Amino acid sequence: MIHHYNQIDKPKVKLKGIEYLLLSIQSNPGKSQRFHLRRLHMYQHGRPDYHKGGTNCGYFTSPSYRNVVWKDHAPKHVFYECFVPVEEGRRFDYSHFSSHSGGPKFKYGGMKSSSAQMHLTEHGWKRANKARVKLGLKPV
């Protein structure tokens, strides 16, 4: 009997994307967002993500999940320009970088880490343990 590659070793219980990410962070704390997104892609599609690992990145920027079920513990020292930053926002005076002397110039943005270190919050641990029970595993 010939099987399609996606039919071999399929789990009996299908986890939602958020449940899989919670279990991945619980099993591998301190790893980057990209690490967990690539694992999620492999789980969902059965093949590696050959791109930058940005599929489903909305999970990590969503205010429903970020700082609620997981938190980035890496030091934030890289400024990125945007109007509504993911975490804390601020105006950044970049007039000392400019050769123009037209007064202070500001950019809106926030600070981020160069590579995230994701850890679960207490609420995240509870949700991850519910996903473990759904799979028939003992809570950690």
Protein backbone atom coordinates (compact mmCIF):
# COMPACT_ATOMS: atom_id res chain seq x y z
CA MET A 1 0.00 0.00 0.00
CA ILE A 2 1.41 3.39 -1.00
CA HIS A 3 1.07 6.31 1.40
CA HIS A 4 1.35 9.99 0.68
CA TYR A 5 4.22 11.50 2.71
CA ASN A 6 1.73 13.56 4.77
CA GLN A 7 -0.23 10.43 5.81
CA ILE A 8 2.68 8.69 7.54
CA ASP A 9 2.94 9.15 11.31
CA LYS A 10 0.11 11.67 11.49
CA PRO A 11 -0.90 12.42 15.08
CA LYS A 12 -4.41 11.40 16.13
CA VAL A 13 -4.96 14.81 17.77
CA LYS A 14 -4.42 17.96 15.74
CA LEU A 15 -3.08 20.94 17.68
CA LYS A 16 -3.94 24.52 16.81
CA GLY A 17 -1.03 26.77 15.83
CA ILE A 18 -1.04 28.59 19.17
CA GLU A 19 -1.06 25.29 21.09
CA TYR A 20 1.93 24.00 19.14
CA LEU A 21 3.88 27.23 19.71
CA LEU A 22 3.16 27.07 23.44
CA LEU A 23 4.46 23.49 23.61
CA SER A 24 7.50 24.42 21.54
CA ILE A 25 8.39 27.35 23.82
CA GLN A 26 7.75 25.19 26.89
CA SER A 27 10.12 22.53 25.55
CA ASN A 28 12.73 24.98 24.23
CA PRO A 29 12.73 28.13 26.38
CA GLY A 30 15.05 30.93 25.32
CA LYS A 31 15.01 30.05 21.61
CA SER A 32 14.18 32.66 18.97
CA GLN A 33 10.77 33.31 17.42
CA ARG A 34 12.10 32.07 14.08
CA PHE A 35 13.11 28.74 15.66
CA HIS A 36 9.56 28.16 16.91
CA LEU A 37 7.93 29.34 13.66
CA ARG A 38 10.04 26.94 11.62
CA ARG A 39 9.00 24.07 13.91
CA LEU A 40 5.35 25.10 13.54
CA HIS A 41 5.69 25.16 9.75
CA MET A 42 7.19 21.66 9.80
CA TYR A 43 4.33 20.43 12.02
CA GLN A 44 1.62 21.99 9.84
CA HIS A 45 3.02 21.18 6.40
CA GLY A 46 5.37 18.24 6.90
CA ARG A 47 8.29 19.99 5.18
CA PRO A 48 10.88 22.59 6.19
CA ASP A 49 10.27 26.29 5.75
CA TYR A 50 12.87 27.32 3.17
CA HIS A 51 12.06 31.00 3.58
CA LYS A 52 13.01 33.24 6.48
CA GLY A 53 10.59 31.59 8.89
CA GLY A 54 8.05 34.40 8.77
CA THR A 55 4.96 32.26 8.21
CA ASN A 56 2.53 32.77 11.13
CA CYS A 57 4.68 35.57 12.59
CA GLY A 58 1.49 37.36 13.62
CA TYR A 59 1.36 35.14 16.69
CA PHE A 60 4.41 36.92 18.10
CA THR A 61 3.22 40.47 17.36
CA SER A 62 -0.39 40.01 18.46
CA PRO A 63 -1.32 41.82 21.69
CA SER A 64 -3.54 38.81 22.48
CA TYR A 65 -0.43 36.64 22.94
CA ARG A 66 2.67 38.83 23.37
CA ASN A 67 3.32 39.54 27.07
CA VAL A 68 0.20 37.47 27.86
CA VAL A 69 1.29 33.88 27.16
CA TRP A 70 4.94 34.53 26.26
CA LYS A 71 7.53 37.23 26.70
CA ASP A 72 10.79 38.11 24.99
CA HIS A 73 13.53 38.19 27.65
CA ALA A 74 16.35 39.30 25.32
CA PRO A 75 17.87 42.77 25.86
CA LYS A 76 16.26 45.30 23.54
CA HIS A 77 18.96 47.49 22.02
CA VAL A 78 18.01 47.82 18.33
CA PHE A 79 15.80 50.76 17.29
CA TYR A 80 13.27 50.06 14.53
CA GLU A 81 11.14 52.67 12.84
CA CYS A 82 7.37 52.26 12.97
CA PHE A 83 4.37 54.24 14.12
CA VAL A 84 2.88 51.61 16.45
CA PRO A 85 5.65 49.43 17.92
CA VAL A 86 4.98 45.89 19.16
CA GLU A 87 6.10 46.64 22.70
CA GLU A 88 7.07 50.01 24.14
CA GLY A 89 7.21 52.97 21.77
CA ARG A 90 9.04 56.26 21.83
CA ARG A 91 10.22 59.16 19.77
CA PHE A 92 13.86 59.01 18.87
CA ASP A 93 15.89 62.18 18.29
CA TYR A 94 18.16 61.53 15.34
CA SER A 95 19.24 65.15 14.75
CA HIS A 96 22.79 64.34 15.87
CA PHE A 97 22.99 61.81 12.98
CA SER A 98 21.89 64.38 10.41
CA SER A 99 24.13 66.92 8.72
CA HIS A 100 21.16 69.30 8.44
CA SER A 101 20.86 71.94 11.12
CA GLY A 102 17.12 72.51 10.91
CA GLY A 103 16.48 71.66 14.56
CA PRO A 104 15.72 68.33 16.18
CA LYS A 105 14.23 65.61 14.03
CA PHE A 106 12.25 62.75 15.50
CA LYS A 107 11.35 59.28 14.34
CA TYR A 108 8.68 57.10 15.85
CA GLY A 109 9.54 53.55 16.69
CA GLY A 110 10.45 51.09 19.36
CA MET A 111 13.28 48.99 20.65
CA LYS A 112 13.70 45.31 19.86
CA SER A 113 16.26 42.63 20.41
CA SER A 114 18.47 41.39 17.60
CA SER A 115 17.35 37.82 18.40
CA ALA A 116 14.40 37.00 20.65
CA GLN A 117 14.58 34.73 23.70
CA MET A 118 11.01 33.53 24.14
CA HIS A 119 9.76 32.31 27.52
CA LEU A 120 6.25 31.44 28.68
CA THR A 121 4.40 33.50 31.27
CA GLU A 122 2.41 31.82 34.04
CA HIS A 123 -0.72 31.98 31.88
CA GLY A 124 1.28 30.49 28.98
CA TRP A 125 2.39 27.55 31.14
CA LYS A 126 -1.25 26.83 32.04
CA ARG A 127 -2.29 26.85 28.37
CA ALA A 128 0.70 24.73 27.35
CA ASN A 129 -0.18 22.16 30.03
CA LYS A 130 -3.77 22.03 28.70
CA ALA A 131 -2.33 21.24 25.26
CA ARG A 132 -0.16 18.51 26.82
CA VAL A 133 -3.25 16.95 28.43
CA LYS A 134 -5.00 17.13 25.03
CA LEU A 135 -2.14 14.99 23.65
CA GLY A 136 -2.38 12.55 26.55
CA LEU A 137 0.81 13.78 28.23
CA LYS A 138 1.29 14.76 31.87
CA PRO A 139 1.48 18.49 32.68
CA VAL A 140 4.95 19.84 33.43
